[in-house]
Amino acid sequence: MKKKLRLISAHLLLAVIVLYIITGFGITQYRFIESITFGLLTKSLSFKIHSNLIYALVVLLLMHLYYSCSIFKFIKK
């Protein structure tokens, strides 16, 4: 069960990081991102997603660290 949660958190974290990078490019290089997404990811939408994605990134990172690292084993004791 713990291994499955570790894999799920790793894959979700990877997806969020990739989305975070794409939306960051959508803010700085908005003409390029708008053209490859056919206008779906505009500069303002990229900024909104990028600003709110930090919460999911922190939660998933902590979840990934909890299930992957032994650093939290000392806190339980």
C-alpha atoms as a PDB file:
ATOM      1  CA  MET A   1       0.000   0.000   0.000  1.00  0.00           C
ATOM      2  CA  LYS A   2       2.815   2.393   0.887  1.00  0.00           C
ATOM      3  CA  LYS A   3       4.631   1.620  -2.354  1.00  0.00           C
ATOM      4  CA  LYS A   4       1.486   2.308  -4.365  1.00  0.00           C
ATOM      5  CA  LEU A   5       0.975   5.668  -2.630  1.00  0.00           C
ATOM      6  CA  ARG A   6       4.609   6.523  -3.269  1.00  0.00           C
ATOM      7  CA  LEU A   7       4.203   5.833  -6.988  1.00  0.00           C
ATOM      8  CA  ILE A   8       0.947   7.764  -7.210  1.00  0.00           C
ATOM      9  CA  SER A   9       2.450  10.772  -5.448  1.00  0.00           C
ATOM     10  CA  ALA A  10       5.525  10.652  -7.689  1.00  0.00           C
ATOM     11  CA  HIS A  11       3.487  10.560 -10.886  1.00  0.00           C
ATOM     12  CA  LEU A  12       1.153  13.329  -9.741  1.00  0.00           C
ATOM     13  CA  LEU A  13       4.117  15.440  -8.667  1.00  0.00           C
ATOM     14  CA  LEU A  14       5.720  14.956 -12.075  1.00  0.00           C
ATOM     15  CA  ALA A  15       2.521  16.032 -13.825  1.00  0.00           C
ATOM     16  CA  VAL A  16       2.205  19.136 -11.638  1.00  0.00           C
ATOM     17  CA  ILE A  17       5.846  20.102 -12.217  1.00  0.00           C
ATOM     18  CA  VAL A  18       5.458  19.744 -15.998  1.00  0.00           C
ATOM     19  CA  LEU A  19       2.273  21.822 -15.899  1.00  0.00           C
ATOM     20  CA  TYR A  20       4.045  24.398 -13.714  1.00  0.00           C
ATOM     21  CA  ILE A  21       6.844  24.707 -16.284  1.00  0.00           C
ATOM     22  CA  ILE A  22       4.414  24.965 -19.212  1.00  0.00           C
ATOM     23  CA  THR A  23       2.364  27.668 -17.507  1.00  0.00           C
ATOM     24  CA  GLY A  24       5.565  29.511 -16.646  1.00  0.00           C
ATOM     25  CA  PHE A  25       6.443  29.532 -20.328  1.00  0.00           C
ATOM     26  CA  GLY A  26       2.861  30.620 -20.986  1.00  0.00           C
ATOM     27  CA  ILE A  27       3.524  33.722 -18.932  1.00  0.00           C
ATOM     28  CA  THR A  28       6.913  34.627 -20.397  1.00  0.00           C
ATOM     29  CA  GLN A  29       6.673  33.238 -23.948  1.00  0.00           C
ATOM     30  CA  TYR A  30       2.909  33.626 -24.340  1.00  0.00           C
ATOM     31  CA  ARG A  31       2.870  34.000 -28.139  1.00  0.00           C
ATOM     32  CA  PHE A  32       4.606  30.647 -28.606  1.00  0.00           C
ATOM     33  CA  ILE A  33       2.439  28.810 -26.043  1.00  0.00           C
ATOM     34  CA  GLU A  34      -0.766  30.306 -27.444  1.00  0.00           C
ATOM     35  CA  SER A  35       0.156  29.157 -30.928  1.00  0.00           C
ATOM     36  CA  ILE A  36       0.991  25.560 -29.954  1.00  0.00           C
ATOM     37  CA  THR A  37      -2.133  25.254 -27.771  1.00  0.00           C
ATOM     38  CA  PHE A  38      -4.305  26.857 -30.488  1.00  0.00           C
ATOM     39  CA  GLY A  39      -5.210  29.750 -28.204  1.00  0.00           C
ATOM     40  CA  LEU A  40      -6.401  27.616 -25.286  1.00  0.00           C
ATOM     41  CA  LEU A  41      -3.633  28.670 -22.900  1.00  0.00           C
ATOM     42  CA  THR A  42      -3.545  32.453 -22.885  1.00  0.00           C
ATOM     43  CA  LYS A  43      -1.209  34.615 -20.832  1.00  0.00           C
ATOM     44  CA  SER A  44      -3.868  35.456 -18.240  1.00  0.00           C
ATOM     45  CA  LEU A  45      -4.989  31.828 -17.901  1.00  0.00           C
ATOM     46  CA  SER A  46      -1.375  30.712 -17.582  1.00  0.00           C
ATOM     47  CA  PHE A  47      -0.839  33.225 -14.795  1.00  0.00           C
ATOM     48  CA  LYS A  48      -3.947  32.078 -12.914  1.00  0.00           C
ATOM     49  CA  ILE A  49      -3.031  28.404 -13.195  1.00  0.00           C
ATOM     50  CA  HIS A  50       0.625  29.067 -12.336  1.00  0.00           C
ATOM     51  CA  SER A  51      -0.335  31.105  -9.256  1.00  0.00           C
ATOM     52  CA  ASN A  52      -2.707  28.483  -7.873  1.00  0.00           C
ATOM     53  CA  LEU A  53      -0.603  25.466  -8.800  1.00  0.00           C
ATOM     54  CA  ILE A  54       1.892  26.175  -6.019  1.00  0.00           C
ATOM     55  CA  TYR A  55      -0.537  24.803  -3.418  1.00  0.00           C
ATOM     56  CA  ALA A  56      -0.859  21.460  -5.187  1.00  0.00           C
ATOM     57  CA  LEU A  57       2.901  21.395  -5.710  1.00  0.00           C
ATOM     58  CA  VAL A  58       3.633  21.838  -2.003  1.00  0.00           C
ATOM     59  CA  VAL A  59       1.059  19.252  -0.904  1.00  0.00           C
ATOM     60  CA  LEU A  60       2.269  16.667  -3.403  1.00  0.00           C
ATOM     61  CA  LEU A  61       5.909  17.346  -2.579  1.00  0.00           C
ATOM     62  CA  LEU A  62       5.276  16.817   1.129  1.00  0.00           C
ATOM     63  CA  MET A  63       3.273  13.676   0.394  1.00  0.00           C
ATOM     64  CA  HIS A  64       6.061  12.384  -1.832  1.00  0.00           C
ATOM     65  CA  LEU A  65       8.684  13.118   0.789  1.00  0.00           C
ATOM     66  CA  TYR A  66       6.599  11.481   3.503  1.00  0.00           C
ATOM     67  CA  TYR A  67       6.230   8.216   1.588  1.00  0.00           C
ATOM     68  CA  SER A  68       9.696   8.183  -0.011  1.00  0.00           C
ATOM     69  CA  CYS A  69      12.126   9.454   2.602  1.00  0.00           C
ATOM     70  CA  SER A  70      12.893   8.176   6.037  1.00  0.00           C
ATOM     71  CA  ILE A  71      13.208  11.691   7.467  1.00  0.00           C
ATOM     72  CA  PHE A  72       9.637  11.597   8.774  1.00  0.00           C
ATOM     73  CA  LYS A  73      10.172   8.326  10.650  1.00  0.00           C
ATOM     74  CA  PHE A  74      11.956  10.265  13.383  1.00  0.00           C
ATOM     75  CA  ILE A  75       9.015  12.627  13.799  1.00  0.00           C
ATOM     76  CA  LYS A  76       6.588   9.751  14.487  1.00  0.00           C
ATOM     77  CA  LYS A  77       8.554   8.577  17.505  1.00  0.00           C
END
